[in-house]
Full PDB file with SEQRES, HELIX, SHEET, SSBOND, CRYST1, ORIGX, SCALE, CONECT and MASTER records, all heavy atoms in Angstrom:
SEQRES   1 A   42  TYR GLY VAL SER GLY ALA GLN PRO ALA GLU VAL PHE THR          
SEQRES   2 A   42  GLU ALA LEU THR GLN ALA TRP GLY GLU ARG SER PRO LEU          
SEQRES   3 A   42  LYS LEU ILE ASP GLU GLY GLY ALA GLN ALA CYS GLY PRO          
SEQRES   4 A   42  ASP GLY CYS                                                  
HELIX    1 AA1 ALA A    9  GLY A   21  1                                  13    
SSBOND   1 CYS A   37    CYS A   42                          1555   1555  1.99  
CRYST1    1.000    1.000    1.000  90.00  90.00  90.00 P 1           1          
ORIGX1      1.000000  0.000000  0.000000        0.00000                         
ORIGX2      0.000000  1.000000  0.000000        0.00000                         
ORIGX3      0.000000  0.000000  1.000000        0.00000                         
SCALE1      1.000000  0.000000  0.000000        0.00000                         
SCALE2      0.000000  1.000000  0.000000        0.00000                         
SCALE3      0.000000  0.000000  1.000000        0.00000                         
ATOM      1  N   TYR A   1    -101.625 -18.014  17.907  1.00  0.00           N  
ATOM      2  CA  TYR A   1    -100.673 -18.058  16.808  1.00  0.00           C  
ATOM      3  C   TYR A   1     -99.493 -18.934  17.186  1.00  0.00           C  
ATOM      4  O   TYR A   1     -99.006 -18.891  18.321  1.00  0.00           O  
ATOM      5  CB  TYR A   1    -100.175 -16.651  16.460  1.00  0.00           C  
ATOM      6  CG  TYR A   1    -101.248 -15.745  15.918  1.00  0.00           C  
ATOM      7  CD1 TYR A   1    -101.946 -14.894  16.761  1.00  0.00           C  
ATOM      8  CD2 TYR A   1    -101.583 -15.761  14.563  1.00  0.00           C  
ATOM      9  CE1 TYR A   1    -102.950 -14.074  16.279  1.00  0.00           C  
ATOM     10  CE2 TYR A   1    -102.583 -14.947  14.070  1.00  0.00           C  
ATOM     11  CZ  TYR A   1    -103.267 -14.099  14.933  1.00  0.00           C  
ATOM     12  OH  TYR A   1    -104.268 -13.294  14.444  1.00  0.00           O  
ATOM     13  N   GLY A   2     -99.032 -19.715  16.241  1.00  0.00           N  
ATOM     14  CA  GLY A   2     -97.851 -20.536  16.447  1.00  0.00           C  
ATOM     15  C   GLY A   2     -96.769 -20.160  15.455  1.00  0.00           C  
ATOM     16  O   GLY A   2     -97.052 -19.921  14.279  1.00  0.00           O  
ATOM     17  N   VAL A   3     -95.549 -20.082  15.930  1.00  0.00           N  
ATOM     18  CA  VAL A   3     -94.395 -19.808  15.080  1.00  0.00           C  
ATOM     19  C   VAL A   3     -93.424 -20.966  15.253  1.00  0.00           C  
ATOM     20  O   VAL A   3     -92.947 -21.219  16.360  1.00  0.00           O  
ATOM     21  CB  VAL A   3     -93.702 -18.476  15.440  1.00  0.00           C  
ATOM     22  CG1 VAL A   3     -92.490 -18.241  14.539  1.00  0.00           C  
ATOM     23  CG2 VAL A   3     -94.684 -17.312  15.325  1.00  0.00           C  
ATOM     24  N   SER A   4     -93.136 -21.663  14.171  1.00  0.00           N  
ATOM     25  CA  SER A   4     -92.290 -22.845  14.238  1.00  0.00           C  
ATOM     26  C   SER A   4     -90.884 -22.540  13.747  1.00  0.00           C  
ATOM     27  O   SER A   4     -90.701 -21.921  12.697  1.00  0.00           O  
ATOM     28  CB  SER A   4     -92.899 -23.960  13.390  1.00  0.00           C  
ATOM     29  OG  SER A   4     -92.105 -25.127  13.436  1.00  0.00           O  
ATOM     30  N   GLY A   5     -89.891 -22.955  14.526  1.00  0.00           N  
ATOM     31  CA  GLY A   5     -88.506 -22.827  14.110  1.00  0.00           C  
ATOM     32  C   GLY A   5     -87.843 -21.529  14.530  1.00  0.00           C  
ATOM     33  O   GLY A   5     -88.480 -20.617  15.059  1.00  0.00           O  
ATOM     34  N   ALA A   6     -86.532 -21.464  14.273  1.00  0.00           N  
ATOM     35  CA  ALA A   6     -85.729 -20.283  14.630  1.00  0.00           C  
ATOM     36  C   ALA A   6     -85.862 -19.238  13.528  1.00  0.00           C  
ATOM     37  O   ALA A   6     -84.940 -18.990  12.755  1.00  0.00           O  
ATOM     38  CB  ALA A   6     -84.274 -20.683  14.834  1.00  0.00           C  
ATOM     39  N   GLN A   7     -87.032 -18.633  13.462  1.00  0.00           N  
ATOM     40  CA  GLN A   7     -87.322 -17.655  12.421  1.00  0.00           C  
ATOM     41  C   GLN A   7     -86.484 -16.384  12.604  1.00  0.00           C  
ATOM     42  O   GLN A   7     -86.003 -16.099  13.699  1.00  0.00           O  
ATOM     43  CB  GLN A   7     -88.810 -17.286  12.459  1.00  0.00           C  
ATOM     44  CG  GLN A   7     -89.751 -18.451  12.246  1.00  0.00           C  
ATOM     45  CD  GLN A   7     -89.811 -18.895  10.793  1.00  0.00           C  
ATOM     46  OE1 GLN A   7     -89.298 -18.226   9.904  1.00  0.00           O  
ATOM     47  NE2 GLN A   7     -90.438 -20.036  10.552  1.00  0.00           N  
ATOM     48  N   PRO A   8     -86.311 -15.596  11.545  1.00  0.00           N  
ATOM     49  CA  PRO A   8     -85.636 -14.306  11.687  1.00  0.00           C  
ATOM     50  C   PRO A   8     -86.403 -13.405  12.661  1.00  0.00           C  
ATOM     51  O   PRO A   8     -87.621 -13.562  12.844  1.00  0.00           O  
ATOM     52  CB  PRO A   8     -85.670 -13.731  10.269  1.00  0.00           C  
ATOM     53  CG  PRO A   8     -85.837 -14.909   9.376  1.00  0.00           C  
ATOM     54  CD  PRO A   8     -86.673 -15.892  10.144  1.00  0.00           C  
ATOM     55  N   ALA A   9     -85.708 -12.455  13.254  1.00  0.00           N  
ATOM     56  CA  ALA A   9     -86.339 -11.559  14.222  1.00  0.00           C  
ATOM     57  C   ALA A   9     -87.541 -10.839  13.617  1.00  0.00           C  
ATOM     58  O   ALA A   9     -88.530 -10.573  14.306  1.00  0.00           O  
ATOM     59  CB  ALA A   9     -85.316 -10.547  14.733  1.00  0.00           C  
ATOM     60  N   GLU A  10     -87.470 -10.535  12.319  1.00  0.00           N  
ATOM     61  CA  GLU A  10     -88.564  -9.816  11.664  1.00  0.00           C  
ATOM     62  C   GLU A  10     -89.868 -10.618  11.704  1.00  0.00           C  
ATOM     63  O   GLU A  10     -90.956 -10.043  11.811  1.00  0.00           O  
ATOM     64  CB  GLU A  10     -88.189  -9.504  10.221  1.00  0.00           C  
ATOM     65  CG  GLU A  10     -87.046  -8.514  10.060  1.00  0.00           C  
ATOM     66  CD  GLU A  10     -85.678  -9.141  10.277  1.00  0.00           C  
ATOM     67  OE1 GLU A  10     -85.608 -10.399  10.377  1.00  0.00           O  
ATOM     68  OE2 GLU A  10     -84.683  -8.389  10.368  1.00  0.00           O  
ATOM     69  N   VAL A  11     -89.763 -11.930  11.594  1.00  0.00           N  
ATOM     70  CA  VAL A  11     -90.958 -12.773  11.648  1.00  0.00           C  
ATOM     71  C   VAL A  11     -91.569 -12.723  13.044  1.00  0.00           C  
ATOM     72  O   VAL A  11     -92.793 -12.650  13.205  1.00  0.00           O  
ATOM     73  CB  VAL A  11     -90.625 -14.220  11.247  1.00  0.00           C  
ATOM     74  CG1 VAL A  11     -91.822 -15.139  11.457  1.00  0.00           C  
ATOM     75  CG2 VAL A  11     -90.168 -14.265   9.793  1.00  0.00           C  
ATOM     76  N   PHE A  12     -90.731 -12.762  14.062  1.00  0.00           N  
ATOM     77  CA  PHE A  12     -91.236 -12.660  15.435  1.00  0.00           C  
ATOM     78  C   PHE A  12     -91.865 -11.290  15.677  1.00  0.00           C  
ATOM     79  O   PHE A  12     -92.888 -11.188  16.369  1.00  0.00           O  
ATOM     80  CB  PHE A  12     -90.114 -12.927  16.435  1.00  0.00           C  
ATOM     81  CG  PHE A  12     -89.658 -14.354  16.481  1.00  0.00           C  
ATOM     82  CD1 PHE A  12     -88.342 -14.690  16.185  1.00  0.00           C  
ATOM     83  CD2 PHE A  12     -90.536 -15.374  16.812  1.00  0.00           C  
ATOM     84  CE1 PHE A  12     -87.915 -16.005  16.223  1.00  0.00           C  
ATOM     85  CE2 PHE A  12     -90.123 -16.699  16.853  1.00  0.00           C  
ATOM     86  CZ  PHE A  12     -88.800 -17.012  16.554  1.00  0.00           C  
ATOM     87  N   THR A  13     -91.276 -10.253  15.137  1.00  0.00           N  
ATOM     88  CA  THR A  13     -91.852  -8.912  15.281  1.00  0.00           C  
ATOM     89  C   THR A  13     -93.254  -8.870  14.682  1.00  0.00           C  
ATOM     90  O   THR A  13     -94.197  -8.341  15.288  1.00  0.00           O  
ATOM     91  CB  THR A  13     -90.960  -7.869  14.587  1.00  0.00           C  
ATOM     92  OG1 THR A  13     -89.691  -7.838  15.237  1.00  0.00           O  
ATOM     93  CG2 THR A  13     -91.591  -6.490  14.640  1.00  0.00           C  
ATOM     94  N   GLU A  14     -93.395  -9.439  13.496  1.00  0.00           N  
ATOM     95  CA  GLU A  14     -94.700  -9.476  12.834  1.00  0.00           C  
ATOM     96  C   GLU A  14     -95.709 -10.271  13.644  1.00  0.00           C  
ATOM     97  O   GLU A  14     -96.871  -9.871  13.802  1.00  0.00           O  
ATOM     98  CB  GLU A  14     -94.552 -10.074  11.436  1.00  0.00           C  
ATOM     99  CG  GLU A  14     -95.850 -10.136  10.648  1.00  0.00           C  
ATOM    100  CD  GLU A  14     -95.661 -10.735   9.270  1.00  0.00           C  
ATOM    101  OE1 GLU A  14     -94.503 -10.968   8.868  1.00  0.00           O  
ATOM    102  OE2 GLU A  14     -96.682 -10.986   8.596  1.00  0.00           O  
ATOM    103  N   ALA A  15     -95.271 -11.417  14.186  1.00  0.00           N  
ATOM    104  CA  ALA A  15     -96.175 -12.257  14.967  1.00  0.00           C  
ATOM    105  C   ALA A  15     -96.607 -11.551  16.251  1.00  0.00           C  
ATOM    106  O   ALA A  15     -97.793 -11.597  16.620  1.00  0.00           O  
ATOM    107  CB  ALA A  15     -95.496 -13.586  15.299  1.00  0.00           C  
ATOM    108  N   LEU A  16     -95.680 -10.910  16.931  1.00  0.00           N  
ATOM    109  CA  LEU A  16     -96.016 -10.179  18.157  1.00  0.00           C  
ATOM    110  C   LEU A  16     -97.008  -9.062  17.864  1.00  0.00           C  
ATOM    111  O   LEU A  16     -97.990  -8.871  18.587  1.00  0.00           O  
ATOM    112  CB  LEU A  16     -94.747  -9.598  18.790  1.00  0.00           C  
ATOM    113  CG  LEU A  16     -93.807 -10.583  19.482  1.00  0.00           C  
ATOM    114  CD1 LEU A  16     -92.447  -9.937  19.748  1.00  0.00           C  
ATOM    115  CD2 LEU A  16     -94.413 -11.084  20.795  1.00  0.00           C  
ATOM    116  N   THR A  17     -96.752  -8.321  16.803  1.00  0.00           N  
ATOM    117  CA  THR A  17     -97.620  -7.204  16.443  1.00  0.00           C  
ATOM    118  C   THR A  17     -99.019  -7.677  16.094  1.00  0.00           C  
ATOM    119  O   THR A  17    -100.023  -7.089  16.526  1.00  0.00           O  
ATOM    120  CB  THR A  17     -97.015  -6.429  15.255  1.00  0.00           C  
ATOM    121  OG1 THR A  17     -95.711  -5.960  15.614  1.00  0.00           O  
ATOM    122  CG2 THR A  17     -97.884  -5.248  14.864  1.00  0.00           C  
ATOM    123  N   GLN A  18     -99.100  -8.752  15.321  1.00  0.00           N  
ATOM    124  CA  GLN A  18    -100.405  -9.269  14.918  1.00  0.00           C  
ATOM    125  C   GLN A  18    -101.170  -9.829  16.103  1.00  0.00           C  
ATOM    126  O   GLN A  18    -102.371  -9.569  16.264  1.00  0.00           O  
ATOM    127  CB  GLN A  18    -100.230 -10.346  13.857  1.00  0.00           C  
ATOM    128  CG  GLN A  18    -101.549 -10.843  13.260  1.00  0.00           C  
ATOM    129  CD  GLN A  18    -101.325 -11.713  12.038  1.00  0.00           C  
ATOM    130  OE1 GLN A  18    -100.220 -11.832  11.536  1.00  0.00           O  
ATOM    131  NE2 GLN A  18    -102.396 -12.326  11.562  1.00  0.00           N  
ATOM    132  N   ALA A  19    -100.488 -10.599  16.950  1.00  0.00           N  
ATOM    133  CA  ALA A  19    -101.155 -11.182  18.106  1.00  0.00           C  
ATOM    134  C   ALA A  19    -101.625 -10.099  19.069  1.00  0.00           C  
ATOM    135  O   ALA A  19    -102.722 -10.186  19.632  1.00  0.00           O  
ATOM    136  CB  ALA A  19    -100.220 -12.151  18.819  1.00  0.00           C  
ATOM    137  N   TRP A  20    -100.821  -9.082  19.247  1.00  0.00           N  
ATOM    138  CA  TRP A  20    -101.195  -7.978  20.142  1.00  0.00           C  
ATOM    139  C   TRP A  20    -102.420  -7.244  19.595  1.00  0.00           C  
ATOM    140  O   TRP A  20    -103.353  -6.925  20.329  1.00  0.00           O  
ATOM    141  CB  TRP A  20    -100.038  -7.008  20.315  1.00  0.00           C  
ATOM    142  CG  TRP A  20    -100.341  -5.898  21.276  1.00  0.00           C  
ATOM    143  CD1 TRP A  20    -100.861  -4.664  20.995  1.00  0.00           C  
ATOM    144  CD2 TRP A  20    -100.154  -5.938  22.699  1.00  0.00           C  
ATOM    145  NE1 TRP A  20    -101.012  -3.934  22.143  1.00  0.00           N  
ATOM    146  CE2 TRP A  20    -100.584  -4.687  23.204  1.00  0.00           C  
ATOM    147  CE3 TRP A  20     -99.668  -6.894  23.580  1.00  0.00           C  
ATOM    148  CZ2 TRP A  20    -100.550  -4.366  24.559  1.00  0.00           C  
ATOM    149  CZ3 TRP A  20     -99.631  -6.580  24.936  1.00  0.00           C  
ATOM    150  CH2 TRP A  20    -100.057  -5.338  25.410  1.00  0.00           C  
ATOM    151  N   GLY A  21    -102.426  -6.988  18.312  1.00  0.00           N  
ATOM    152  CA  GLY A  21    -103.513  -6.241  17.705  1.00  0.00           C  
ATOM    153  C   GLY A  21    -104.823  -6.985  17.661  1.00  0.00           C  
ATOM    154  O   GLY A  21    -105.900  -6.375  17.571  1.00  0.00           O  
ATOM    155  N   GLU A  22    -104.763  -8.318  17.747  1.00  0.00           N  
ATOM    156  CA  GLU A  22    -105.979  -9.117  17.651  1.00  0.00           C  
ATOM    157  C   GLU A  22    -106.429  -9.677  18.991  1.00  0.00           C  
ATOM    158  O   GLU A  22    -107.272 -10.587  19.040  1.00  0.00           O  
ATOM    159  CB  GLU A  22    -105.779 -10.250  16.644  1.00  0.00           C  
ATOM    160  CG  GLU A  22    -105.563  -9.746  15.226  1.00  0.00           C  
ATOM    161  CD  GLU A  22    -105.513 -10.859  14.203  1.00  0.00           C  
ATOM    162  OE1 GLU A  22    -105.901 -11.997  14.545  1.00  0.00           O  
ATOM    163  OE2 GLU A  22    -105.095 -10.597  13.069  1.00  0.00           O  
ATOM    164  N   ARG A  23    -105.880  -9.132  20.054  1.00  0.00           N  
ATOM    165  CA  ARG A  23    -106.371  -9.560  21.365  1.00  0.00           C  
ATOM    166  C   ARG A  23    -107.840  -9.177  21.503  1.00  0.00           C  
ATOM    167  O   ARG A  23    -108.243  -8.084  21.134  1.00  0.00           O  
ATOM    168  CB  ARG A  23    -105.574  -8.902  22.489  1.00  0.00           C  
ATOM    169  CG  ARG A  23    -104.144  -9.405  22.620  1.00  0.00           C  
ATOM    170  CD  ARG A  23    -103.408  -8.609  23.676  1.00  0.00           C  
ATOM    171  NE  ARG A  23    -103.490  -7.184  23.372  1.00  0.00           N  
ATOM    172  CZ  ARG A  23    -103.633  -6.227  24.279  1.00  0.00           C  
ATOM    173  NH1 ARG A  23    -103.710  -6.535  25.548  1.00  0.00           N  
ATOM    174  NH2 ARG A  23    -103.696  -4.963  23.917  1.00  0.00           N  
ATOM    175  N   SER A  24    -108.637 -10.078  22.023  1.00  0.00           N  
ATOM    176  CA  SER A  24    -110.069  -9.817  22.162  1.00  0.00           C  
ATOM    177  C   SER A  24    -110.320  -8.951  23.392  1.00  0.00           C  
ATOM    178  O   SER A  24    -109.893  -9.303  24.495  1.00  0.00           O  
ATOM    179  CB  SER A  24    -110.841 -11.135  22.315  1.00  0.00           C  
ATOM    180  OG  SER A  24    -110.667 -11.937  21.170  1.00  0.00           O  
ATOM    181  N   PRO A  25    -111.032  -7.829  23.210  1.00  0.00           N  
ATOM    182  CA  PRO A  25    -111.368  -7.030  24.387  1.00  0.00           C  
ATOM    183  C   PRO A  25    -112.346  -7.786  25.277  1.00  0.00           C  
ATOM    184  O   PRO A  25    -113.093  -8.651  24.820  1.00  0.00           O  
ATOM    185  CB  PRO A  25    -112.017  -5.774  23.782  1.00  0.00           C  
ATOM    186  CG  PRO A  25    -112.546  -6.230  22.466  1.00  0.00           C  
ATOM    187  CD  PRO A  25    -111.567  -7.260  21.974  1.00  0.00           C  
ATOM    188  N   LEU A  26    -112.348  -7.468  26.547  1.00  0.00           N  
ATOM    189  CA  LEU A  26    -113.231  -8.124  27.494  1.00  0.00           C  
ATOM    190  C   LEU A  26    -114.689  -7.795  27.176  1.00  0.00           C  
ATOM    191  O   LEU A  26    -115.046  -6.637  26.994  1.00  0.00           O  
ATOM    192  CB  LEU A  26    -112.902  -7.661  28.920  1.00  0.00           C  
ATOM    193  CG  LEU A  26    -113.718  -8.286  30.049  1.00  0.00           C  
ATOM    194  CD1 LEU A  26    -113.365  -9.754  30.177  1.00  0.00           C  
ATOM    195  CD2 LEU A  26    -113.460  -7.553  31.356  1.00  0.00           C  
ATOM    196  N   LYS A  27    -115.512  -8.830  27.055  1.00  0.00           N  
ATOM    197  CA  LYS A  27    -116.937  -8.638  26.831  1.00  0.00           C  
ATOM    198  C   LYS A  27    -117.656  -8.718  28.175  1.00  0.00           C  
ATOM    199  O   LYS A  27    -117.642  -9.751  28.839  1.00  0.00           O  
ATOM    200  CB  LYS A  27    -117.463  -9.702  25.870  1.00  0.00           C  
ATOM    201  CG  LYS A  27    -116.898  -9.567  24.460  1.00  0.00           C  
ATOM    202  CD  LYS A  27    -117.468 -10.622  23.529  1.00  0.00           C  
ATOM    203  CE  LYS A  27    -116.890 -10.466  22.123  1.00  0.00           C  
ATOM    204  NZ  LYS A  27    -117.425 -11.496  21.192  1.00  0.00           N  
ATOM    205  N   LEU A  28    -118.253  -7.617  28.569  1.00  0.00           N  
ATOM    206  CA  LEU A  28    -118.868  -7.514  29.886  1.00  0.00           C  
ATOM    207  C   LEU A  28    -120.328  -7.936  29.817  1.00  0.00           C  
ATOM    208  O   LEU A  28    -121.088  -7.463  28.969  1.00  0.00           O  
ATOM    209  CB  LEU A  28    -118.759  -6.079  30.398  1.00  0.00           C  
ATOM    210  CG  LEU A  28    -119.309  -5.813  31.799  1.00  0.00           C  
ATOM    211  CD1 LEU A  28    -118.509  -6.602  32.835  1.00  0.00           C  
ATOM    212  CD2 LEU A  28    -119.272  -4.318  32.096  1.00  0.00           C  
ATOM    213  N   ILE A  29    -120.707  -8.847  30.695  1.00  0.00           N  
ATOM    214  CA  ILE A  29    -122.103  -9.251  30.831  1.00  0.00           C  
ATOM    215  C   ILE A  29    -122.614  -8.675  32.131  1.00  0.00           C  
ATOM    216  O   ILE A  29    -122.173  -9.059  33.217  1.00  0.00           O  
ATOM    217  CB  ILE A  29    -122.237 -10.785  30.825  1.00  0.00           C  
ATOM    218  CG1 ILE A  29    -121.726 -11.356  29.502  1.00  0.00           C  
ATOM    219  CG2 ILE A  29    -123.682 -11.201  31.064  1.00  0.00           C  
ATOM    220  CD1 ILE A  29    -121.696 -12.858  29.462  1.00  0.00           C  
ATOM    221  N   ASP A  30    -123.512  -7.700  32.027  1.00  0.00           N  
ATOM    222  CA  ASP A  30    -124.011  -7.011  33.212  1.00  0.00           C  
ATOM    223  C   ASP A  30    -125.487  -6.719  33.007  1.00  0.00           C  
ATOM    224  O   ASP A  30    -125.860  -5.837  32.224  1.00  0.00           O  
ATOM    225  CB  ASP A  30    -123.231  -5.716  33.447  1.00  0.00           C  
ATOM    226  CG  ASP A  30    -123.656  -5.015  34.727  1.00  0.00           C  
ATOM    227  OD1 ASP A  30    -124.508  -5.563  35.437  1.00  0.00           O  
ATOM    228  OD2 ASP A  30    -123.143  -3.908  34.994  1.00  0.00           O  
ATOM    229  N   GLU A  31    -126.325  -7.481  33.680  1.00  0.00           N  
ATOM    230  CA  GLU A  31    -127.764  -7.280  33.548  1.00  0.00           C  
ATOM    231  C   GLU A  31    -128.264  -6.166  34.455  1.00  0.00           C  
ATOM    232  O   GLU A  31    -129.428  -5.825  34.458  1.00  0.00           O  
ATOM    233  CB  GLU A  31    -128.500  -8.594  33.877  1.00  0.00           C  
ATOM    234  CG  GLU A  31    -128.159  -9.750  32.952  1.00  0.00           C  
ATOM    235  CD  GLU A  31    -128.544  -9.467  31.523  1.00  0.00           C  
ATOM    236  OE1 GLU A  31    -129.492  -8.701  31.293  1.00  0.00           O  
ATOM    237  OE2 GLU A  31    -127.883 -10.018  30.620  1.00  0.00           O  
ATOM    238  N   GLY A  32    -127.368  -5.616  35.250  1.00  0.00           N  
ATOM    239  CA  GLY A  32    -127.764  -4.527  36.136  1.00  0.00           C  
ATOM    240  C   GLY A  32    -128.326  -5.036  37.449  1.00  0.00           C  
ATOM    241  O   GLY A  32    -128.994  -6.055  37.519  1.00  0.00           O  
ATOM    242  N   GLY A  33    -128.026  -4.302  38.508  1.00  0.00           N  
ATOM    243  CA  GLY A  33    -128.591  -4.605  39.810  1.00  0.00           C  
ATOM    244  C   GLY A  33    -127.835  -5.628  40.626  1.00  0.00           C  
ATOM    245  O   GLY A  33    -128.170  -5.852  41.790  1.00  0.00           O  
ATOM    246  N   ALA A  34    -126.814  -6.278  40.034  1.00  0.00           N  
ATOM    247  CA  ALA A  34    -126.077  -7.290  40.792  1.00  0.00           C  
ATOM    248  C   ALA A  34    -125.150  -6.621  41.790  1.00  0.00           C  
ATOM    249  O   ALA A  34    -124.547  -5.586  41.517  1.00  0.00           O  
ATOM    250  CB  ALA A  34    -125.274  -8.174  39.835  1.00  0.00           C  
ATOM    251  N   GLN A  35    -125.065  -7.207  42.990  1.00  0.00           N  
ATOM    252  CA  GLN A  35    -124.245  -6.633  44.056  1.00  0.00           C  
ATOM    253  C   GLN A  35    -122.760  -6.904  43.760  1.00  0.00           C  
ATOM    254  O   GLN A  35    -122.383  -7.935  43.220  1.00  0.00           O  
ATOM    255  CB  GLN A  35    -124.589  -7.260  45.429  1.00  0.00           C  
ATOM    256  CG  GLN A  35    -125.842  -6.731  46.226  1.00  0.00           C  
ATOM    257  CD  GLN A  35    -126.895  -6.154  45.359  1.00  0.00           C  
ATOM    258  OE1 GLN A  35    -126.628  -6.126  44.395  1.00  0.00           O  
ATOM    259  NE2 GLN A  35    -128.053  -5.692  45.625  1.00  0.00           N  
ATOM    260  N   ALA A  36    -121.904  -5.956  44.147  1.00  0.00           N  
ATOM    261  CA  ALA A  36    -120.456  -6.090  43.948  1.00  0.00           C  
ATOM    262  C   ALA A  36    -119.733  -5.224  44.956  1.00  0.00           C  
ATOM    263  O   ALA A  36    -120.313  -4.321  45.553  1.00  0.00           O  
ATOM    264  CB  ALA A  36    -120.068  -5.691  42.531  1.00  0.00           C  
ATOM    265  N   CYS A  37    -118.464  -5.520  45.156  1.00  0.00           N  
ATOM    266  CA  CYS A  37    -117.604  -4.713  46.013  1.00  0.00           C  
ATOM    267  C   CYS A  37    -116.640  -3.919  45.153  1.00  0.00           C  
ATOM    268  O   CYS A  37    -116.190  -4.394  44.106  1.00  0.00           O  
ATOM    269  CB  CYS A  37    -116.815  -5.596  46.981  1.00  0.00           C  
ATOM    270  SG  CYS A  37    -117.848  -6.488  48.171  1.00  0.00           S  
ATOM    271  N   GLY A  38    -116.326  -2.704  45.585  1.00  0.00           N  
ATOM    272  CA  GLY A  38    -115.401  -1.852  44.855  1.00  0.00           C  
ATOM    273  C   GLY A  38    -114.509  -1.084  45.804  1.00  0.00           C  
ATOM    274  O   GLY A  38    -114.510  -1.337  47.026  1.00  0.00           O  
ATOM    275  N   PRO A  39    -113.742  -0.113  45.295  1.00  0.00           N  
ATOM    276  CA  PRO A  39    -112.813   0.648  46.114  1.00  0.00           C  
ATOM    277  C   PRO A  39    -113.513   1.371  47.271  1.00  0.00           C  
ATOM    278  O   PRO A  39    -112.912   1.643  48.313  1.00  0.00           O  
ATOM    279  CB  PRO A  39    -112.190   1.643  45.138  1.00  0.00           C  
ATOM    280  CG  PRO A  39    -112.362   0.998  43.807  1.00  0.00           C  
ATOM    281  CD  PRO A  39    -113.649   0.255  43.877  1.00  0.00           C  
ATOM    282  N   ASP A  40    -114.798   1.695  47.075  1.00  0.00           N  
ATOM    283  CA  ASP A  40    -115.520   2.441  48.105  1.00  0.00           C  
ATOM    284  C   ASP A  40    -116.296   1.543  49.051  1.00  0.00           C  
ATOM    285  O   ASP A  40    -117.060   2.014  49.898  1.00  0.00           O  
ATOM    286  CB  ASP A  40    -116.475   3.434  47.447  1.00  0.00           C  
ATOM    287  CG  ASP A  40    -115.731   4.477  46.613  1.00  0.00           C  
ATOM    288  OD1 ASP A  40    -114.633   4.877  47.035  1.00  0.00           O  
ATOM    289  OD2 ASP A  40    -116.246   4.861  45.551  1.00  0.00           O  
ATOM    290  N   GLY A  41    -116.114   0.236  48.903  1.00  0.00           N  
ATOM    291  CA  GLY A  41    -116.784  -0.689  49.808  1.00  0.00           C  
ATOM    292  C   GLY A  41    -117.763  -1.574  49.081  1.00  0.00           C  
ATOM    293  O   GLY A  41    -117.739  -1.672  47.848  1.00  0.00           O  
ATOM    294  N   CYS A  42    -118.606  -2.242  49.819  1.00  0.00           N  
ATOM    295  CA  CYS A  42    -119.574  -3.164  49.256  1.00  0.00           C  
ATOM    296  C   CYS A  42    -120.982  -2.627  49.428  1.00  0.00           C  
ATOM    297  O   CYS A  42    -121.345  -2.137  50.493  1.00  0.00           O  
ATOM    298  CB  CYS A  42    -119.475  -4.527  49.941  1.00  0.00           C  
ATOM    299  SG  CYS A  42    -117.849  -5.302  49.764  1.00  0.00           S  
TER     300      CYS A  42                                                      
CONECT  270  299                                                                
CONECT  299  270                                                                
MASTER        0    0    0    1    0    0    0    6  299    1    2    4          
END                                                                             
């Protein structure tokens, strides 16, 4: 999203809210069986 100019604070509030709400969740690709390291080791 782009906001041009010194808009009123209300416009920035709307833009922040909309951009936050439309963030794409992480899409996980996991075919299973792939090796990885975690908190408990590798």
